[in-house]
Amino acid sequence: MVPATEEGRCPVCRTKVVARSEEDVIIRNAILRVESATGRVAAKCARCKSWVEVPLRYVAE
């Protein structure tokens, strides 16, 4: 899993994965992966298929 750059682009191919506004965070790819032990979330880049860390956390209840 590679961390997303500050502007929300894939560090491998530079495709925009995360779009931020004042009220929303948009993940431009529907395929998400959650590490159940840590709650970290990654999105699969639509262009190069690498996993990119996104600003979401999974909380199990």
PDB file of N, CA and C in Angstrom:
ATOM      1  N   MET A   1       0.850  -1.164   0.000  1.00  0.00           N
ATOM      2  CA  MET A   1       0.000   0.000   0.000  1.00  0.00           C
ATOM      3  C   MET A   1       0.899   1.232   0.000  1.00  0.00           C
ATOM      4  N   VAL A   2       0.664   2.130  -0.938  1.00  0.00           N
ATOM      5  CA  VAL A   2       1.441   3.359  -1.031  1.00  0.00           C
ATOM      6  C   VAL A   2       0.618   4.533  -0.504  1.00  0.00           C
ATOM      7  N   PRO A   3       1.217   5.417   0.277  1.00  0.00           N
ATOM      8  CA  PRO A   3       0.453   6.567   0.758  1.00  0.00           C
ATOM      9  C   PRO A   3       0.146   7.544  -0.366  1.00  0.00           C
ATOM     10  N   ALA A   4      -1.016   8.160  -0.320  1.00  0.00           N
ATOM     11  CA  ALA A   4      -1.381   9.158  -1.326  1.00  0.00           C
ATOM     12  C   ALA A   4      -0.564  10.422  -1.096  1.00  0.00           C
ATOM     13  N   THR A   5      -0.278  11.113  -2.164  1.00  0.00           N
ATOM     14  CA  THR A   5       0.422  12.377  -2.023  1.00  0.00           C
ATOM     15  C   THR A   5      -0.534  13.417  -1.464  1.00  0.00           C
ATOM     16  N   GLU A   6      -0.028  14.560  -1.088  1.00  0.00           N
ATOM     17  CA  GLU A   6      -0.858  15.582  -0.461  1.00  0.00           C
ATOM     18  C   GLU A   6      -1.995  16.055  -1.353  1.00  0.00           C
ATOM     19  N   GLU A   7      -1.785  16.122  -2.646  1.00  0.00           N
ATOM     20  CA  GLU A   7      -2.856  16.582  -3.528  1.00  0.00           C
ATOM     21  C   GLU A   7      -3.805  15.465  -3.938  1.00  0.00           C
ATOM     22  N   GLY A   8      -3.684  14.270  -3.324  1.00  0.00           N
ATOM     23  CA  GLY A   8      -4.622  13.183  -3.551  1.00  0.00           C
ATOM     24  C   GLY A   8      -4.374  12.378  -4.813  1.00  0.00           C
ATOM     25  N   ARG A   9      -3.161  12.384  -5.296  1.00  0.00           N
ATOM     26  CA  ARG A   9      -2.825  11.637  -6.512  1.00  0.00           C
ATOM     27  C   ARG A   9      -2.081  10.356  -6.174  1.00  0.00           C
ATOM     28  N   CYS A  10      -2.205   9.380  -7.060  1.00  0.00           N
ATOM     29  CA  CYS A  10      -1.471   8.124  -6.927  1.00  0.00           C
ATOM     30  C   CYS A  10       0.020   8.438  -7.097  1.00  0.00           C
ATOM     31  N   PRO A  11       0.868   8.020  -6.159  1.00  0.00           N
ATOM     32  CA  PRO A  11       2.294   8.320  -6.290  1.00  0.00           C
ATOM     33  C   PRO A  11       2.977   7.547  -7.405  1.00  0.00           C
ATOM     34  N   VAL A  12       2.348   6.508  -7.925  1.00  0.00           N
ATOM     35  CA  VAL A  12       2.953   5.708  -8.992  1.00  0.00           C
ATOM     36  C   VAL A  12       2.683   6.327 -10.361  1.00  0.00           C
ATOM     37  N   CYS A  13       1.406   6.596 -10.687  1.00  0.00           N
ATOM     38  CA  CYS A  13       1.060   7.085 -12.029  1.00  0.00           C
ATOM     39  C   CYS A  13       0.500   8.509 -12.041  1.00  0.00           C
ATOM     40  N   ARG A  14       0.329   9.121 -10.858  1.00  0.00           N
ATOM     41  CA  ARG A  14      -0.144  10.500 -10.703  1.00  0.00           C
ATOM     42  C   ARG A  14      -1.613  10.721 -11.061  1.00  0.00           C
ATOM     43  N   THR A  15      -2.412   9.662 -11.149  1.00  0.00           N
ATOM     44  CA  THR A  15      -3.851   9.798 -11.385  1.00  0.00           C
ATOM     45  C   THR A  15      -4.512  10.327 -10.122  1.00  0.00           C
ATOM     46  N   LYS A  16      -5.482  11.220 -10.283  1.00  0.00           N
ATOM     47  CA  LYS A  16      -6.196  11.799  -9.138  1.00  0.00           C
ATOM     48  C   LYS A  16      -7.101  10.723  -8.530  1.00  0.00           C
ATOM     49  N   VAL A  17      -6.858  10.376  -7.267  1.00  0.00           N
ATOM     50  CA  VAL A  17      -7.628   9.342  -6.581  1.00  0.00           C
ATOM     51  C   VAL A  17      -8.559   9.969  -5.541  1.00  0.00           C
ATOM     52  N   VAL A  18      -8.073  10.987  -4.830  1.00  0.00           N
ATOM     53  CA  VAL A  18      -8.840  11.630  -3.767  1.00  0.00           C
ATOM     54  C   VAL A  18      -9.091  13.088  -4.138  1.00  0.00           C
ATOM     55  N   ALA A  19     -10.353  13.496  -4.081  1.00  0.00           N
ATOM     56  CA  ALA A  19     -10.715  14.896  -4.314  1.00  0.00           C
ATOM     57  C   ALA A  19     -11.309  15.440  -3.025  1.00  0.00           C
ATOM     58  N   ARG A  20     -10.831  16.595  -2.599  1.00  0.00           N
ATOM     59  CA  ARG A  20     -11.316  17.186  -1.350  1.00  0.00           C
ATOM     60  C   ARG A  20     -11.969  18.527  -1.632  1.00  0.00           C
ATOM     61  N   SER A  21     -13.030  18.789  -0.896  1.00  0.00           N
ATOM     62  CA  SER A  21     -13.637  20.112  -0.879  1.00  0.00           C
ATOM     63  C   SER A  21     -13.760  20.511   0.586  1.00  0.00           C
ATOM     64  N   GLU A  22     -14.370  21.644   0.858  1.00  0.00           N
ATOM     65  CA  GLU A  22     -14.508  22.074   2.249  1.00  0.00           C
ATOM     66  C   GLU A  22     -15.405  21.145   3.049  1.00  0.00           C
ATOM     67  N   GLU A  23     -16.366  20.494   2.393  1.00  0.00           N
ATOM     68  CA  GLU A  23     -17.331  19.654   3.102  1.00  0.00           C
ATOM     69  C   GLU A  23     -17.178  18.158   2.840  1.00  0.00           C
ATOM     70  N   ASP A  24     -16.537  17.776   1.739  1.00  0.00           N
ATOM     71  CA  ASP A  24     -16.527  16.372   1.322  1.00  0.00           C
ATOM     72  C   ASP A  24     -15.132  15.874   0.985  1.00  0.00           C
ATOM     73  N   VAL A  25     -14.992  14.546   1.054  1.00  0.00           N
ATOM     74  CA  VAL A  25     -13.834  13.838   0.518  1.00  0.00           C
ATOM     75  C   VAL A  25     -14.389  12.814  -0.457  1.00  0.00           C
ATOM     76  N   ILE A  26     -13.948  12.875  -1.702  1.00  0.00           N
ATOM     77  CA  ILE A  26     -14.445  11.962  -2.730  1.00  0.00           C
ATOM     78  C   ILE A  26     -13.317  11.026  -3.121  1.00  0.00           C
ATOM     79  N   ILE A  27     -13.577   9.723  -3.019  1.00  0.00           N
ATOM     80  CA  ILE A  27     -12.642   8.699  -3.468  1.00  0.00           C
ATOM     81  C   ILE A  27     -13.072   8.331  -4.879  1.00  0.00           C
ATOM     82  N   ARG A  28     -12.224   8.557  -5.860  1.00  0.00           N
ATOM     83  CA  ARG A  28     -12.595   8.391  -7.262  1.00  0.00           C
ATOM     84  C   ARG A  28     -12.540   6.939  -7.739  1.00  0.00           C
ATOM     85  N   ASN A  29     -12.433   6.019  -6.840  1.00  0.00           N
ATOM     86  CA  ASN A  29     -12.413   4.615  -7.207  1.00  0.00           C
ATOM     87  C   ASN A  29     -13.277   3.859  -6.204  1.00  0.00           C
ATOM     88  N   ALA A  30     -14.130   2.960  -6.678  1.00  0.00           N
ATOM     89  CA  ALA A  30     -15.069   2.271  -5.800  1.00  0.00           C
ATOM     90  C   ALA A  30     -14.464   1.057  -5.107  1.00  0.00           C
ATOM     91  N   ILE A  31     -13.289   0.608  -5.513  1.00  0.00           N
ATOM     92  CA  ILE A  31     -12.695  -0.576  -4.901  1.00  0.00           C
ATOM     93  C   ILE A  31     -11.876  -0.150  -3.694  1.00  0.00           C
ATOM     94  N   LEU A  32     -12.335  -0.541  -2.521  1.00  0.00           N
ATOM     95  CA  LEU A  32     -11.655  -0.196  -1.273  1.00  0.00           C
ATOM     96  C   LEU A  32     -11.198  -1.465  -0.560  1.00  0.00           C
ATOM     97  N   ARG A  33     -10.104  -1.345   0.178  1.00  0.00           N
ATOM     98  CA  ARG A  33      -9.596  -2.455   0.982  1.00  0.00           C
ATOM     99  C   ARG A  33      -9.388  -1.943   2.401  1.00  0.00           C
ATOM    100  N   VAL A  34      -9.848  -2.719   3.377  1.00  0.00           N
ATOM    101  CA  VAL A  34      -9.749  -2.330   4.786  1.00  0.00           C
ATOM    102  C   VAL A  34      -8.887  -3.340   5.523  1.00  0.00           C
ATOM    103  N   GLU A  35      -7.898  -2.863   6.261  1.00  0.00           N
ATOM    104  CA  GLU A  35      -7.117  -3.727   7.144  1.00  0.00           C
ATOM    105  C   GLU A  35      -7.878  -3.804   8.462  1.00  0.00           C
ATOM    106  N   SER A  36      -8.436  -4.948   8.771  1.00  0.00           N
ATOM    107  CA  SER A  36      -9.307  -5.059   9.939  1.00  0.00           C
ATOM    108  C   SER A  36      -8.567  -4.836  11.251  1.00  0.00           C
ATOM    109  N   ALA A  37      -7.297  -5.173  11.311  1.00  0.00           N
ATOM    110  CA  ALA A  37      -6.549  -5.010  12.561  1.00  0.00           C
ATOM    111  C   ALA A  37      -6.284  -3.544  12.877  1.00  0.00           C
ATOM    112  N   THR A  38      -6.003  -2.736  11.854  1.00  0.00           N
ATOM    113  CA  THR A  38      -5.641  -1.329  12.081  1.00  0.00           C
ATOM    114  C   THR A  38      -6.745  -0.356  11.693  1.00  0.00           C
ATOM    115  N   GLY A  39      -7.675  -0.768  10.841  1.00  0.00           N
ATOM    116  CA  GLY A  39      -8.735   0.125  10.372  1.00  0.00           C
ATOM    117  C   GLY A  39      -8.317   1.019   9.228  1.00  0.00           C
ATOM    118  N   ARG A  40      -7.123   0.834   8.690  1.00  0.00           N
ATOM    119  CA  ARG A  40      -6.645   1.644   7.572  1.00  0.00           C
ATOM    120  C   ARG A  40      -7.374   1.248   6.294  1.00  0.00           C
ATOM    121  N   VAL A  41      -7.637   2.239   5.445  1.00  0.00           N
ATOM    122  CA  VAL A  41      -8.386   2.019   4.203  1.00  0.00           C
ATOM    123  C   VAL A  41      -7.521   2.410   3.019  1.00  0.00           C
ATOM    124  N   ALA A  42      -7.579   1.591   1.958  1.00  0.00           N
ATOM    125  CA  ALA A  42      -6.850   1.874   0.726  1.00  0.00           C
ATOM    126  C   ALA A  42      -7.809   1.755  -0.451  1.00  0.00           C
ATOM    127  N   ALA A  43      -7.549   2.551  -1.482  1.00  0.00           N
ATOM    128  CA  ALA A  43      -8.336   2.499  -2.720  1.00  0.00           C
ATOM    129  C   ALA A  43      -7.438   2.012  -3.838  1.00  0.00           C
ATOM    130  N   LYS A  44      -8.000   1.249  -4.749  1.00  0.00           N
ATOM    131  CA  LYS A  44      -7.231   0.747  -5.876  1.00  0.00           C
ATOM    132  C   LYS A  44      -7.243   1.798  -6.980  1.00  0.00           C
ATOM    133  N   CYS A  45      -6.065   2.183  -7.439  1.00  0.00           N
ATOM    134  CA  CYS A  45      -5.950   3.169  -8.516  1.00  0.00           C
ATOM    135  C   CYS A  45      -6.534   2.574  -9.793  1.00  0.00           C
ATOM    136  N   ALA A  46      -7.414   3.314 -10.433  1.00  0.00           N
ATOM    137  CA  ALA A  46      -8.074   2.811 -11.638  1.00  0.00           C
ATOM    138  C   ALA A  46      -7.110   2.670 -12.811  1.00  0.00           C
ATOM    139  N   ARG A  47      -6.050   3.423 -12.795  1.00  0.00           N
ATOM    140  CA  ARG A  47      -5.125   3.412 -13.931  1.00  0.00           C
ATOM    141  C   ARG A  47      -4.031   2.347 -13.804  1.00  0.00           C
ATOM    142  N   CYS A  48      -3.291   2.357 -12.689  1.00  0.00           N
ATOM    143  CA  CYS A  48      -2.138   1.449 -12.571  1.00  0.00           C
ATOM    144  C   CYS A  48      -2.381   0.274 -11.625  1.00  0.00           C
ATOM    145  N   LYS A  49      -3.538   0.238 -10.966  1.00  0.00           N
ATOM    146  CA  LYS A  49      -3.968  -0.859 -10.085  1.00  0.00           C
ATOM    147  C   LYS A  49      -3.154  -0.983  -8.798  1.00  0.00           C
ATOM    148  N   SER A  50      -2.409   0.049  -8.421  1.00  0.00           N
ATOM    149  CA  SER A  50      -1.717   0.000  -7.135  1.00  0.00           C
ATOM    150  C   SER A  50      -2.681   0.438  -6.037  1.00  0.00           C
ATOM    151  N   TRP A  51      -2.412   0.016  -4.811  1.00  0.00           N
ATOM    152  CA  TRP A  51      -3.252   0.382  -3.678  1.00  0.00           C
ATOM    153  C   TRP A  51      -2.733   1.677  -3.086  1.00  0.00           C
ATOM    154  N   VAL A  52      -3.616   2.646  -2.914  1.00  0.00           N
ATOM    155  CA  VAL A  52      -3.260   3.965  -2.414  1.00  0.00           C
ATOM    156  C   VAL A  52      -4.006   4.211  -1.108  1.00  0.00           C
ATOM    157  N   GLU A  53      -3.277   4.595  -0.077  1.00  0.00           N
ATOM    158  CA  GLU A  53      -3.896   4.891   1.210  1.00  0.00           C
ATOM    159  C   GLU A  53      -4.757   6.148   1.088  1.00  0.00           C
ATOM    160  N   VAL A  54      -5.982   6.090   1.623  1.00  0.00           N
ATOM    161  CA  VAL A  54      -6.917   7.217   1.537  1.00  0.00           C
ATOM    162  C   VAL A  54      -7.280   7.695   2.945  1.00  0.00           C
ATOM    163  N   PRO A  55      -7.774   8.942   3.071  1.00  0.00           N
ATOM    164  CA  PRO A  55      -8.043   9.504   4.398  1.00  0.00           C
ATOM    165  C   PRO A  55      -9.358   9.021   5.009  1.00  0.00           C
ATOM    166  N   LEU A  56      -9.490   7.720   5.192  1.00  0.00           N
ATOM    167  CA  LEU A  56     -10.643   7.118   5.849  1.00  0.00           C
ATOM    168  C   LEU A  56     -10.138   6.144   6.893  1.00  0.00           C
ATOM    169  N   ARG A  57     -10.922   5.937   7.918  1.00  0.00           N
ATOM    170  CA  ARG A  57     -10.627   4.920   8.930  1.00  0.00           C
ATOM    171  C   ARG A  57     -11.871   4.082   9.140  1.00  0.00           C
ATOM    172  N   TYR A  58     -11.697   2.768   9.251  1.00  0.00           N
ATOM    173  CA  TYR A  58     -12.784   1.837   9.481  1.00  0.00           C
ATOM    174  C   TYR A  58     -12.861   1.551  10.970  1.00  0.00           C
ATOM    175  N   VAL A  59     -14.073   1.670  11.519  1.00  0.00           N
ATOM    176  CA  VAL A  59     -14.284   1.390  12.939  1.00  0.00           C
ATOM    177  C   VAL A  59     -15.348   0.315  13.052  1.00  0.00           C
ATOM    178  N   ALA A  60     -14.983  -0.832  13.615  1.00  0.00           N
ATOM    179  CA  ALA A  60     -15.927  -1.928  13.801  1.00  0.00           C
ATOM    180  C   ALA A  60     -16.690  -1.710  15.111  1.00  0.00           C
ATOM    181  N   GLU A  61     -17.964  -1.975  15.078  1.00  0.00           N
ATOM    182  CA  GLU A  61     -18.767  -1.826  16.289  1.00  0.00           C
ATOM    183  C   GLU A  61     -19.141  -3.160  16.845  1.00  0.00           C
TER     184      GLU A  61
END
